[in-house]
């Protein structure tokens, strides 16, 4: 498992993590003035979704982030407790991407649709 994870992250390249916003071709500050971050990290979300979709996380795993509105530190669990309705994969992927997002460089992830 450790080798798989190391290999997974080692193979990441910039286009798999981020791209410029559509409107930024002629305006280098477009992301800051028209979007919520300088770069669009949707490629990372897509990459992780393709890896995680259909797989069950079998160990307790928590990622952390800071709420961009309140500044509060929050823990986001990726593990589904037995007997509890499973958390949508979209939440888990957004939690990982949000935890890895540098403020202002990448947009914050809106976790409210997931409860």
PDB file of N, CA and C in Angstrom:
ATOM      1  N   UNK A   1       0.822  -1.194   0.000  1.00  0.00           N
ATOM      2  CA  UNK A   1       0.000   0.000   0.000  1.00  0.00           C
ATOM      3  C   UNK A   1       0.867   1.259   0.000  1.00  0.00           C
ATOM      4  N   UNK A   2       1.914   1.254   0.810  1.00  0.00           N
ATOM      5  CA  UNK A   2       2.790   2.426   0.870  1.00  0.00           C
ATOM      6  C   UNK A   2       3.435   2.675  -0.488  1.00  0.00           C
ATOM      7  N   UNK A   3       3.890   1.625  -1.141  1.00  0.00           N
ATOM      8  CA  UNK A   3       4.495   1.775  -2.465  1.00  0.00           C
ATOM      9  C   UNK A   3       3.492   2.324  -3.475  1.00  0.00           C
ATOM     10  N   UNK A   4       2.247   1.853  -3.387  1.00  0.00           N
ATOM     11  CA  UNK A   4       1.189   2.340  -4.276  1.00  0.00           C
ATOM     12  C   UNK A   4       0.982   3.837  -4.078  1.00  0.00           C
ATOM     13  N   UNK A   5       0.894   4.278  -2.830  1.00  0.00           N
ATOM     14  CA  UNK A   5       0.664   5.694  -2.537  1.00  0.00           C
ATOM     15  C   UNK A   5       1.840   6.553  -2.980  1.00  0.00           C
ATOM     16  N   UNK A   6       3.046   6.085  -2.722  1.00  0.00           N
ATOM     17  CA  UNK A   6       4.236   6.841  -3.138  1.00  0.00           C
ATOM     18  C   UNK A   6       4.261   6.966  -4.657  1.00  0.00           C
ATOM     19  N   UNK A   7       3.996   5.871  -5.345  1.00  0.00           N
ATOM     20  CA  UNK A   7       3.983   5.873  -6.805  1.00  0.00           C
ATOM     21  C   UNK A   7       2.886   6.785  -7.347  1.00  0.00           C
ATOM     22  N   UNK A   8       1.724   6.752  -6.705  1.00  0.00           N
ATOM     23  CA  UNK A   8       0.596   7.574  -7.121  1.00  0.00           C
ATOM     24  C   UNK A   8       0.952   9.055  -7.104  1.00  0.00           C
ATOM     25  N   UNK A   9       1.541   9.514  -5.999  1.00  0.00           N
ATOM     26  CA  UNK A   9       1.889  10.930  -5.875  1.00  0.00           C
ATOM     27  C   UNK A   9       3.137  11.278  -6.680  1.00  0.00           C
ATOM     28  N   UNK A  10       4.067  10.333  -6.818  1.00  0.00           N
ATOM     29  CA  UNK A  10       5.292  10.601  -7.576  1.00  0.00           C
ATOM     30  C   UNK A  10       5.011  10.816  -9.060  1.00  0.00           C
ATOM     31  N   UNK A  11       3.969  10.199  -9.560  1.00  0.00           N
ATOM     32  CA  UNK A  11       3.632  10.316 -10.978  1.00  0.00           C
ATOM     33  C   UNK A  11       2.831  11.574 -11.314  1.00  0.00           C
ATOM     34  N   UNK A  12       2.441  12.323 -10.308  1.00  0.00           N
ATOM     35  CA  UNK A  12       1.679  13.549 -10.577  1.00  0.00           C
ATOM     36  C   UNK A  12       2.541  14.560 -11.320  1.00  0.00           C
ATOM     37  N   UNK A  13       1.960  15.205 -12.299  1.00  0.00           N
ATOM     38  CA  UNK A  13       2.629  16.304 -12.968  1.00  0.00           C
ATOM     39  C   UNK A  13       1.734  17.536 -12.868  1.00  0.00           C
ATOM     40  N   UNK A  14       2.254  18.683 -13.212  1.00  0.00           N
ATOM     41  CA  UNK A  14       1.492  19.923 -13.056  1.00  0.00           C
ATOM     42  C   UNK A  14       0.130  19.887 -13.747  1.00  0.00           C
ATOM     43  N   UNK A  15       0.026  19.408 -15.003  1.00  0.00           N
ATOM     44  CA  UNK A  15      -1.297  19.382 -15.639  1.00  0.00           C
ATOM     45  C   UNK A  15      -2.305  18.475 -14.921  1.00  0.00           C
ATOM     46  N   UNK A  16      -1.836  17.538 -14.117  1.00  0.00           N
ATOM     47  CA  UNK A  16      -2.738  16.683 -13.347  1.00  0.00           C
ATOM     48  C   UNK A  16      -3.224  17.366 -12.075  1.00  0.00           C
ATOM     49  N   UNK A  17      -2.616  18.481 -11.715  1.00  0.00           N
ATOM     50  CA  UNK A  17      -2.951  19.180 -10.476  1.00  0.00           C
ATOM     51  C   UNK A  17      -3.698  20.485 -10.739  1.00  0.00           C
ATOM     52  N   UNK A  18      -3.276  21.256 -11.714  1.00  0.00           N
ATOM     53  CA  UNK A  18      -3.901  22.555 -11.948  1.00  0.00           C
ATOM     54  C   UNK A  18      -3.818  22.953 -13.418  1.00  0.00           C
ATOM     55  N   UNK A  19      -4.616  23.953 -13.745  1.00  0.00           N
ATOM     56  CA  UNK A  19      -4.570  24.564 -15.066  1.00  0.00           C
ATOM     57  C   UNK A  19      -4.927  26.033 -14.903  1.00  0.00           C
ATOM     58  N   UNK A  20      -4.657  26.808 -15.909  1.00  0.00           N
ATOM     59  CA  UNK A  20      -5.059  28.212 -15.895  1.00  0.00           C
ATOM     60  C   UNK A  20      -6.552  28.295 -16.160  1.00  0.00           C
ATOM     61  N   UNK A  21      -7.164  29.348 -15.694  1.00  0.00           N
ATOM     62  CA  UNK A  21      -8.582  29.571 -15.966  1.00  0.00           C
ATOM     63  C   UNK A  21      -8.752  29.931 -17.435  1.00  0.00           C
ATOM     64  N   UNK A  22      -9.914  29.647 -17.979  1.00  0.00           N
ATOM     65  CA  UNK A  22     -10.188  29.936 -19.389  1.00  0.00           C
ATOM     66  C   UNK A  22      -9.924  31.399 -19.738  1.00  0.00           C
ATOM     67  N   UNK A  23     -10.305  32.318 -18.876  1.00  0.00           N
ATOM     68  CA  UNK A  23     -10.166  33.744 -19.171  1.00  0.00           C
ATOM     69  C   UNK A  23      -8.793  34.325 -18.909  1.00  0.00           C
ATOM     70  N   UNK A  24      -7.829  33.500 -18.488  1.00  0.00           N
ATOM     71  CA  UNK A  24      -6.535  34.043 -18.081  1.00  0.00           C
ATOM     72  C   UNK A  24      -5.516  34.151 -19.211  1.00  0.00           C
ATOM     73  N   UNK A  25      -5.890  33.759 -20.436  1.00  0.00           N
ATOM     74  CA  UNK A  25      -4.939  33.779 -21.549  1.00  0.00           C
ATOM     75  C   UNK A  25      -4.336  35.175 -21.765  1.00  0.00           C
ATOM     76  N   UNK A  26      -5.164  36.192 -21.706  1.00  0.00           N
ATOM     77  CA  UNK A  26      -4.690  37.556 -21.943  1.00  0.00           C
ATOM     78  C   UNK A  26      -4.668  38.406 -20.670  1.00  0.00           C
ATOM     79  N   UNK A  27      -4.973  37.766 -19.538  1.00  0.00           N
ATOM     80  CA  UNK A  27      -5.023  38.496 -18.275  1.00  0.00           C
ATOM     81  C   UNK A  27      -4.430  37.613 -17.182  1.00  0.00           C
ATOM     82  N   UNK A  28      -3.147  37.809 -16.845  1.00  0.00           N
ATOM     83  CA  UNK A  28      -2.494  36.917 -15.883  1.00  0.00           C
ATOM     84  C   UNK A  28      -3.078  36.952 -14.469  1.00  0.00           C
ATOM     85  N   UNK A  29      -3.836  37.969 -14.118  1.00  0.00           N
ATOM     86  CA  UNK A  29      -4.431  38.034 -12.783  1.00  0.00           C
ATOM     87  C   UNK A  29      -5.918  37.674 -12.810  1.00  0.00           C
ATOM     88  N   UNK A  30      -6.369  37.086 -13.892  1.00  0.00           N
ATOM     89  CA  UNK A  30      -7.771  36.730 -14.049  1.00  0.00           C
ATOM     90  C   UNK A  30      -8.282  35.892 -12.880  1.00  0.00           C
ATOM     91  N   UNK A  31      -7.534  34.891 -12.472  1.00  0.00           N
ATOM     92  CA  UNK A  31      -7.970  34.024 -11.380  1.00  0.00           C
ATOM     93  C   UNK A  31      -8.203  34.766 -10.080  1.00  0.00           C
ATOM     94  N   UNK A  32      -7.401  35.774  -9.830  1.00  0.00           N
ATOM     95  CA  UNK A  32      -7.543  36.553  -8.593  1.00  0.00           C
ATOM     96  C   UNK A  32      -8.698  37.537  -8.695  1.00  0.00           C
ATOM     97  N   UNK A  33      -8.901  38.105  -9.881  1.00  0.00           N
ATOM     98  CA  UNK A  33      -9.937  39.126 -10.034  1.00  0.00           C
ATOM     99  C   UNK A  33     -11.311  38.578 -10.420  1.00  0.00           C
ATOM    100  N   UNK A  34     -11.352  37.383 -11.044  1.00  0.00           N
ATOM    101  CA  UNK A  34     -12.632  36.863 -11.521  1.00  0.00           C
ATOM    102  C   UNK A  34     -13.001  35.480 -10.951  1.00  0.00           C
ATOM    103  N   UNK A  35     -12.060  34.807 -10.350  1.00  0.00           N
ATOM    104  CA  UNK A  35     -12.296  33.483  -9.779  1.00  0.00           C
ATOM    105  C   UNK A  35     -11.925  33.530  -8.295  1.00  0.00           C
ATOM    106  N   UNK A  36     -11.948  32.385  -7.619  1.00  0.00           N
ATOM    107  CA  UNK A  36     -11.641  32.348  -6.185  1.00  0.00           C
ATOM    108  C   UNK A  36     -10.210  31.919  -5.902  1.00  0.00           C
ATOM    109  N   UNK A  37      -9.415  31.770  -6.953  1.00  0.00           N
ATOM    110  CA  UNK A  37      -8.011  31.409  -6.784  1.00  0.00           C
ATOM    111  C   UNK A  37      -7.250  31.690  -8.065  1.00  0.00           C
ATOM    112  N   UNK A  38      -5.941  31.871  -7.941  1.00  0.00           N
ATOM    113  CA  UNK A  38      -5.102  32.206  -9.094  1.00  0.00           C
ATOM    114  C   UNK A  38      -5.137  31.092 -10.142  1.00  0.00           C
ATOM    115  N   UNK A  39      -5.113  29.828  -9.694  1.00  0.00           N
ATOM    116  CA  UNK A  39      -5.128  28.680 -10.596  1.00  0.00           C
ATOM    117  C   UNK A  39      -6.339  27.793 -10.330  1.00  0.00           C
ATOM    118  N   UNK A  40      -6.747  27.054 -11.322  1.00  0.00           N
ATOM    119  CA  UNK A  40      -7.880  26.142 -11.234  1.00  0.00           C
ATOM    120  C   UNK A  40      -7.356  24.744 -10.913  1.00  0.00           C
ATOM    121  N   UNK A  41      -7.702  24.207  -9.743  1.00  0.00           N
ATOM    122  CA  UNK A  41      -7.213  22.878  -9.361  1.00  0.00           C
ATOM    123  C   UNK A  41      -8.253  21.776  -9.597  1.00  0.00           C
ATOM    124  N   UNK A  42      -9.182  22.018 -10.493  1.00  0.00           N
ATOM    125  CA  UNK A  42     -10.156  20.981 -10.861  1.00  0.00           C
ATOM    126  C   UNK A  42      -9.467  19.725 -11.402  1.00  0.00           C
ATOM    127  N   UNK A  43      -8.331  19.830 -12.132  1.00  0.00           N
ATOM    128  CA  UNK A  43      -7.664  18.594 -12.576  1.00  0.00           C
ATOM    129  C   UNK A  43      -7.272  17.677 -11.417  1.00  0.00           C
ATOM    130  N   UNK A  44      -6.868  18.221 -10.271  1.00  0.00           N
ATOM    131  CA  UNK A  44      -6.533  17.388  -9.120  1.00  0.00           C
ATOM    132  C   UNK A  44      -7.783  16.691  -8.597  1.00  0.00           C
ATOM    133  N   UNK A  45      -8.891  17.423  -8.532  1.00  0.00           N
ATOM    134  CA  UNK A  45     -10.155  16.820  -8.099  1.00  0.00           C
ATOM    135  C   UNK A  45     -10.515  15.661  -9.017  1.00  0.00           C
ATOM    136  N   UNK A  46     -10.436  15.885 -10.321  1.00  0.00           N
ATOM    137  CA  UNK A  46     -10.767  14.837 -11.296  1.00  0.00           C
ATOM    138  C   UNK A  46      -9.835  13.636 -11.159  1.00  0.00           C
ATOM    139  N   UNK A  47      -8.553  13.893 -10.982  1.00  0.00           N
ATOM    140  CA  UNK A  47      -7.544  12.837 -10.829  1.00  0.00           C
ATOM    141  C   UNK A  47      -7.861  11.959  -9.615  1.00  0.00           C
ATOM    142  N   UNK A  48      -8.110  12.605  -8.477  1.00  0.00           N
ATOM    143  CA  UNK A  48      -8.401  11.851  -7.255  1.00  0.00           C
ATOM    144  C   UNK A  48      -9.753  11.148  -7.327  1.00  0.00           C
ATOM    145  N   UNK A  49     -10.727  11.779  -7.955  1.00  0.00           N
ATOM    146  CA  UNK A  49     -12.033  11.146  -8.097  1.00  0.00           C
ATOM    147  C   UNK A  49     -11.897   9.845  -8.892  1.00  0.00           C
ATOM    148  N   UNK A  50     -11.149   9.886  -9.969  1.00  0.00           N
ATOM    149  CA  UNK A  50     -10.963   8.683 -10.793  1.00  0.00           C
ATOM    150  C   UNK A  50     -10.253   7.573 -10.017  1.00  0.00           C
ATOM    151  N   UNK A  51      -9.374   7.940  -9.109  1.00  0.00           N
ATOM    152  CA  UNK A  51      -8.650   6.948  -8.309  1.00  0.00           C
ATOM    153  C   UNK A  51      -9.535   6.404  -7.182  1.00  0.00           C
ATOM    154  N   UNK A  52     -10.264   7.287  -6.516  1.00  0.00           N
ATOM    155  CA  UNK A  52     -11.005   6.907  -5.320  1.00  0.00           C
ATOM    156  C   UNK A  52     -12.394   6.348  -5.604  1.00  0.00           C
ATOM    157  N   UNK A  53     -12.982   6.675  -6.742  1.00  0.00           N
ATOM    158  CA  UNK A  53     -14.353   6.257  -7.034  1.00  0.00           C
ATOM    159  C   UNK A  53     -14.460   4.734  -7.069  1.00  0.00           C
ATOM    160  N   UNK A  54     -15.414   4.214  -6.318  1.00  0.00           N
ATOM    161  CA  UNK A  54     -15.642   2.774  -6.267  1.00  0.00           C
ATOM    162  C   UNK A  54     -14.773   2.044  -5.260  1.00  0.00           C
ATOM    163  N   UNK A  55     -13.915   2.783  -4.558  1.00  0.00           N
ATOM    164  CA  UNK A  55     -13.054   2.148  -3.559  1.00  0.00           C
ATOM    165  C   UNK A  55     -13.507   2.551  -2.157  1.00  0.00           C
ATOM    166  N   UNK A  56     -13.394   1.630  -1.238  1.00  0.00           N
ATOM    167  CA  UNK A  56     -13.768   1.888   0.150  1.00  0.00           C
ATOM    168  C   UNK A  56     -12.506   2.139   0.969  1.00  0.00           C
ATOM    169  N   UNK A  57     -12.518   3.205   1.736  1.00  0.00           N
ATOM    170  CA  UNK A  57     -11.398   3.488   2.634  1.00  0.00           C
ATOM    171  C   UNK A  57     -11.603   2.630   3.870  1.00  0.00           C
ATOM    172  N   UNK A  58     -10.650   1.771   4.159  1.00  0.00           N
ATOM    173  CA  UNK A  58     -10.825   0.779   5.211  1.00  0.00           C
ATOM    174  C   UNK A  58     -10.142   1.135   6.521  1.00  0.00           C
ATOM    175  N   UNK A  59      -9.446   2.225   6.560  1.00  0.00           N
ATOM    176  CA  UNK A  59      -8.807   2.696   7.797  1.00  0.00           C
ATOM    177  C   UNK A  59      -9.349   4.078   8.126  1.00  0.00           C
ATOM    178  N   UNK A  60      -9.356   4.393   9.392  1.00  0.00           N
ATOM    179  CA  UNK A  60      -9.766   5.739   9.786  1.00  0.00           C
ATOM    180  C   UNK A  60      -8.739   6.724   9.224  1.00  0.00           C
ATOM    181  N   UNK A  61      -9.236   7.658   8.460  1.00  0.00           N
ATOM    182  CA  UNK A  61      -8.372   8.623   7.793  1.00  0.00           C
ATOM    183  C   UNK A  61      -9.032   9.984   7.873  1.00  0.00           C
ATOM    184  N   UNK A  62      -8.280  10.948   8.365  1.00  0.00           N
ATOM    185  CA  UNK A  62      -8.788  12.302   8.521  1.00  0.00           C
ATOM    186  C   UNK A  62      -7.828  13.252   7.836  1.00  0.00           C
ATOM    187  N   UNK A  63      -8.370  14.190   7.069  1.00  0.00           N
ATOM    188  CA  UNK A  63      -7.580  15.296   6.547  1.00  0.00           C
ATOM    189  C   UNK A  63      -8.078  16.554   7.246  1.00  0.00           C
ATOM    190  N   UNK A  64      -7.263  17.554   7.274  1.00  0.00           N
ATOM    191  CA  UNK A  64      -7.672  18.783   7.954  1.00  0.00           C
ATOM    192  C   UNK A  64      -7.547  19.964   7.008  1.00  0.00           C
ATOM    193  N   UNK A  65      -8.318  20.980   7.324  1.00  0.00           N
ATOM    194  CA  UNK A  65      -8.310  22.203   6.534  1.00  0.00           C
ATOM    195  C   UNK A  65      -8.739  23.349   7.449  1.00  0.00           C
ATOM    196  N   UNK A  66      -8.659  24.540   6.915  1.00  0.00           N
ATOM    197  CA  UNK A  66      -9.116  25.716   7.639  1.00  0.00           C
ATOM    198  C   UNK A  66     -10.323  26.266   6.894  1.00  0.00           C
ATOM    199  N   UNK A  67     -11.396  26.525   7.629  1.00  0.00           N
ATOM    200  CA  UNK A  67     -12.595  27.113   7.041  1.00  0.00           C
ATOM    201  C   UNK A  67     -12.254  28.523   6.580  1.00  0.00           C
ATOM    202  N   UNK A  68     -12.413  28.797   5.286  1.00  0.00           N
ATOM    203  CA  UNK A  68     -12.009  30.097   4.743  1.00  0.00           C
ATOM    204  C   UNK A  68     -12.917  31.238   5.195  1.00  0.00           C
ATOM    205  N   UNK A  69     -14.073  30.917   5.738  1.00  0.00           N
ATOM    206  CA  UNK A  69     -14.979  31.958   6.215  1.00  0.00           C
ATOM    207  C   UNK A  69     -14.724  32.274   7.687  1.00  0.00           C
ATOM    208  N   UNK A  70     -14.621  31.238   8.521  1.00  0.00           N
ATOM    209  CA  UNK A  70     -14.483  31.461   9.962  1.00  0.00           C
ATOM    210  C   UNK A  70     -13.038  31.396  10.449  1.00  0.00           C
ATOM    211  N   UNK A  71     -12.164  30.781   9.659  1.00  0.00           N
ATOM    212  CA  UNK A  71     -10.781  30.595  10.092  1.00  0.00           C
ATOM    213  C   UNK A  71     -10.623  29.424  11.047  1.00  0.00           C
ATOM    214  N   UNK A  72     -11.692  28.678  11.278  1.00  0.00           N
ATOM    215  CA  UNK A  72     -11.647  27.541  12.204  1.00  0.00           C
ATOM    216  C   UNK A  72     -10.963  26.341  11.553  1.00  0.00           C
ATOM    217  N   UNK A  73     -10.185  25.645  12.348  1.00  0.00           N
ATOM    218  CA  UNK A  73      -9.530  24.402  11.931  1.00  0.00           C
ATOM    219  C   UNK A  73     -10.572  23.299  11.978  1.00  0.00           C
ATOM    220  N   UNK A  74     -10.690  22.534  10.882  1.00  0.00           N
ATOM    221  CA  UNK A  74     -11.690  21.469  10.859  1.00  0.00           C
ATOM    222  C   UNK A  74     -11.065  20.153  10.412  1.00  0.00           C
ATOM    223  N   UNK A  75     -11.582  19.073  10.963  1.00  0.00           N
ATOM    224  CA  UNK A  75     -11.183  17.724  10.568  1.00  0.00           C
ATOM    225  C   UNK A  75     -12.254  17.178   9.634  1.00  0.00           C
ATOM    226  N   UNK A  76     -11.819  16.520   8.575  1.00  0.00           N
ATOM    227  CA  UNK A  76     -12.740  15.936   7.607  1.00  0.00           C
ATOM    228  C   UNK A  76     -12.438  14.450   7.508  1.00  0.00           C
ATOM    229  N   UNK A  77     -13.370  13.635   7.951  1.00  0.00           N
ATOM    230  CA  UNK A  77     -13.159  12.190   7.972  1.00  0.00           C
ATOM    231  C   UNK A  77     -13.449  11.582   6.605  1.00  0.00           C
ATOM    232  N   UNK A  78     -12.571  10.703   6.166  1.00  0.00           N
ATOM    233  CA  UNK A  78     -12.751   9.995   4.904  1.00  0.00           C
ATOM    234  C   UNK A  78     -13.232   8.569   5.127  1.00  0.00           C
ATOM    235  N   UNK A  79     -13.329   8.164   6.378  1.00  0.00           N
ATOM    236  CA  UNK A  79     -13.713   6.805   6.732  1.00  0.00           C
ATOM    237  C   UNK A  79     -15.204   6.740   7.027  1.00  0.00           C
ATOM    238  N   UNK A  80     -15.865   5.747   6.482  1.00  0.00           N
ATOM    239  CA  UNK A  80     -17.283   5.544   6.760  1.00  0.00           C
ATOM    240  C   UNK A  80     -17.434   4.579   7.927  1.00  0.00           C
ATOM    241  N   UNK A  81     -17.975   5.068   9.025  1.00  0.00           N
ATOM    242  CA  UNK A  81     -18.193   4.225  10.199  1.00  0.00           C
ATOM    243  C   UNK A  81     -19.231   3.153   9.867  1.00  0.00           C
ATOM    244  N   UNK A  82     -19.033   1.937  10.354  1.00  0.00           N
ATOM    245  CA  UNK A  82     -20.017   0.873  10.104  1.00  0.00           C
ATOM    246  C   UNK A  82     -21.400   1.272  10.620  1.00  0.00           C
ATOM    247  N   UNK A  83     -22.423   0.979   9.831  1.00  0.00           N
ATOM    248  CA  UNK A  83     -23.791   1.259  10.235  1.00  0.00           C
ATOM    249  C   UNK A  83     -24.248   2.679   9.956  1.00  0.00           C
ATOM    250  N   UNK A  84     -23.368   3.520   9.476  1.00  0.00           N
ATOM    251  CA  UNK A  84     -23.707   4.908   9.164  1.00  0.00           C
ATOM    252  C   UNK A  84     -23.783   5.054   7.641  1.00  0.00           C
ATOM    253  N   UNK A  85     -24.671   5.888   7.168  1.00  0.00           N
ATOM    254  CA  UNK A  85     -24.779   6.122   5.730  1.00  0.00           C
ATOM    255  C   UNK A  85     -23.428   6.586   5.189  1.00  0.00           C
ATOM    256  N   UNK A  86     -22.939   5.934   4.148  1.00  0.00           N
ATOM    257  CA  UNK A  86     -21.621   6.310   3.597  1.00  0.00           C
ATOM    258  C   UNK A  86     -21.591   7.752   3.102  1.00  0.00           C
ATOM    259  N   UNK A  87     -20.454   8.381   3.279  1.00  0.00           N
ATOM    260  CA  UNK A  87     -20.233   9.736   2.803  1.00  0.00           C
ATOM    261  C   UNK A  87     -19.999   9.697   1.296  1.00  0.00           C
ATOM    262  N   UNK A  88     -20.587  10.621   0.553  1.00  0.00           N
ATOM    263  CA  UNK A  88     -20.375  10.627  -0.894  1.00  0.00           C
ATOM    264  C   UNK A  88     -18.902  10.777  -1.265  1.00  0.00           C
ATOM    265  N   UNK A  89     -18.506  10.113  -2.325  1.00  0.00           N
ATOM    266  CA  UNK A  89     -17.120  10.186  -2.787  1.00  0.00           C
ATOM    267  C   UNK A  89     -16.732  11.631  -3.118  1.00  0.00           C
ATOM    268  N   UNK A  90     -17.678  12.424  -3.582  1.00  0.00           N
ATOM    269  CA  UNK A  90     -17.398  13.822  -3.908  1.00  0.00           C
ATOM    270  C   UNK A  90     -16.924  14.597  -2.684  1.00  0.00           C
ATOM    271  N   UNK A  91     -17.517  14.289  -1.520  1.00  0.00           N
ATOM    272  CA  UNK A  91     -17.095  14.920  -0.263  1.00  0.00           C
ATOM    273  C   UNK A  91     -15.660  14.541   0.054  1.00  0.00           C
ATOM    274  N   UNK A  92     -15.358  13.249  -0.056  1.00  0.00           N
ATOM    275  CA  UNK A  92     -14.021  12.770   0.295  1.00  0.00           C
ATOM    276  C   UNK A  92     -12.967  13.388  -0.612  1.00  0.00           C
ATOM    277  N   UNK A  93     -13.258  13.438  -1.899  1.00  0.00           N
ATOM    278  CA  UNK A  93     -12.303  14.029  -2.840  1.00  0.00           C
ATOM    279  C   UNK A  93     -12.150  15.521  -2.557  1.00  0.00           C
ATOM    280  N   UNK A  94     -13.254  16.219  -2.338  1.00  0.00           N
ATOM    281  CA  UNK A  94     -13.184  17.647  -2.029  1.00  0.00           C
ATOM    282  C   UNK A  94     -12.419  17.911  -0.739  1.00  0.00           C
ATOM    283  N   UNK A  95     -12.552  17.018   0.235  1.00  0.00           N
ATOM    284  CA  UNK A  95     -11.821  17.169   1.494  1.00  0.00           C
ATOM    285  C   UNK A  95     -10.312  17.079   1.264  1.00  0.00           C
ATOM    286  N   UNK A  96      -9.897  16.123   0.460  1.00  0.00           N
ATOM    287  CA  UNK A  96      -8.465  15.968   0.177  1.00  0.00           C
ATOM    288  C   UNK A  96      -7.948  17.167  -0.610  1.00  0.00           C
ATOM    289  N   UNK A  97      -8.674  17.566  -1.641  1.00  0.00           N
ATOM    290  CA  UNK A  97      -8.243  18.702  -2.463  1.00  0.00           C
ATOM    291  C   UNK A  97      -8.229  19.982  -1.627  1.00  0.00           C
ATOM    292  N   UNK A  98      -9.256  20.182  -0.821  1.00  0.00           N
ATOM    293  CA  UNK A  98      -9.301  21.368   0.033  1.00  0.00           C
ATOM    294  C   UNK A  98      -8.155  21.402   1.030  1.00  0.00           C
ATOM    295  N   UNK A  99      -7.815  20.259   1.566  1.00  0.00           N
ATOM    296  CA  UNK A  99      -6.705  20.178   2.516  1.00  0.00           C
ATOM    297  C   UNK A  99      -5.374  20.514   1.848  1.00  0.00           C
ATOM    298  N   UNK A 100      -5.262  20.190   0.576  1.00  0.00           N
ATOM    299  CA  UNK A 100      -4.005  20.418  -0.147  1.00  0.00           C
ATOM    300  C   UNK A 100      -3.936  21.779  -0.831  1.00  0.00           C
ATOM    301  N   UNK A 101      -5.005  22.550  -0.775  1.00  0.00           N
ATOM    302  CA  UNK A 101      -5.070  23.814  -1.512  1.00  0.00           C
ATOM    303  C   UNK A 101      -4.436  24.970  -0.748  1.00  0.00           C
ATOM    304  N   UNK A 102      -3.494  25.610  -1.375  1.00  0.00           N
ATOM    305  CA  UNK A 102      -2.858  26.800  -0.807  1.00  0.00           C
ATOM    306  C   UNK A 102      -3.823  27.969  -1.005  1.00  0.00           C
ATOM    307  N   UNK A 103      -4.194  28.677   0.077  1.00  0.00           N
ATOM    308  CA  UNK A 103      -5.134  29.789  -0.063  1.00  0.00           C
ATOM    309  C   UNK A 103      -4.655  30.830  -1.078  1.00  0.00           C
ATOM    310  N   UNK A 104      -5.585  31.350  -1.830  1.00  0.00           N
ATOM    311  CA  UNK A 104      -5.406  32.356  -2.874  1.00  0.00           C
ATOM    312  C   UNK A 104      -4.747  31.798  -4.137  1.00  0.00           C
ATOM    313  N   UNK A 105      -3.877  30.803  -4.007  1.00  0.00           N
ATOM    314  CA  UNK A 105      -3.313  30.170  -5.193  1.00  0.00           C
ATOM    315  C   UNK A 105      -4.371  29.265  -5.821  1.00  0.00           C
ATOM    316  N   UNK A 106      -5.094  28.512  -4.966  1.00  0.00           N
ATOM    317  CA  UNK A 106      -6.164  27.634  -5.427  1.00  0.00           C
ATOM    318  C   UNK A 106      -7.472  28.036  -4.754  1.00  0.00           C
ATOM    319  N   UNK A 107      -8.598  27.820  -5.418  1.00  0.00           N
ATOM    320  CA  UNK A 107      -9.875  28.190  -4.802  1.00  0.00           C
ATOM    321  C   UNK A 107     -10.213  27.284  -3.624  1.00  0.00           C
ATOM    322  N   UNK A 108     -10.960  27.809  -2.649  1.00  0.00           N
ATOM    323  CA  UNK A 108     -11.412  26.961  -1.539  1.00  0.00           C
ATOM    324  C   UNK A 108     -12.450  25.975  -2.041  1.00  0.00           C
ATOM    325  N   UNK A 109     -12.600  24.877  -1.330  1.00  0.00           N
ATOM    326  CA  UNK A 109     -13.613  23.870  -1.672  1.00  0.00           C
ATOM    327  C   UNK A 109     -14.842  24.130  -0.817  1.00  0.00           C
ATOM    328  N   UNK A 110     -16.006  24.177  -1.427  1.00  0.00           N
ATOM    329  CA  UNK A 110     -17.249  24.357  -0.700  1.00  0.00           C
ATOM    330  C   UNK A 110     -17.732  22.998  -0.212  1.00  0.00           C
ATOM    331  N   UNK A 111     -17.659  22.766   1.089  1.00  0.00           N
ATOM    332  CA  UNK A 111     -18.042  21.480   1.667  1.00  0.00           C
ATOM    333  C   UNK A 111     -19.507  21.463   2.123  1.00  0.00           C
ATOM    334  N   UNK A 112     -20.222  22.582   2.043  1.00  0.00           N
ATOM    335  CA  UNK A 112     -21.595  22.645   2.541  1.00  0.00           C
ATOM    336  C   UNK A 112     -22.568  21.711   1.827  1.00  0.00           C
ATOM    337  N   UNK A 113     -22.415  21.420   0.529  1.00  0.00           N
ATOM    338  CA  UNK A 113     -23.402  20.516  -0.076  1.00  0.00           C
ATOM    339  C   UNK A 113     -23.383  19.113   0.544  1.00  0.00           C
ATOM    340  N   UNK A 114     -22.335  18.792   1.272  1.00  0.00           N
ATOM    341  CA  UNK A 114     -22.181  17.456   1.812  1.00  0.00           C
ATOM    342  C   UNK A 114     -22.544  17.375   3.293  1.00  0.00           C
ATOM    343  N   UNK A 115     -23.012  18.452   3.849  1.00  0.00           N
ATOM    344  CA  UNK A 115     -23.452  18.408   5.239  1.00  0.00           C
ATOM    345  C   UNK A 115     -22.411  18.888   6.162  1.00  0.00           C
TER     346      UNK A 115
END
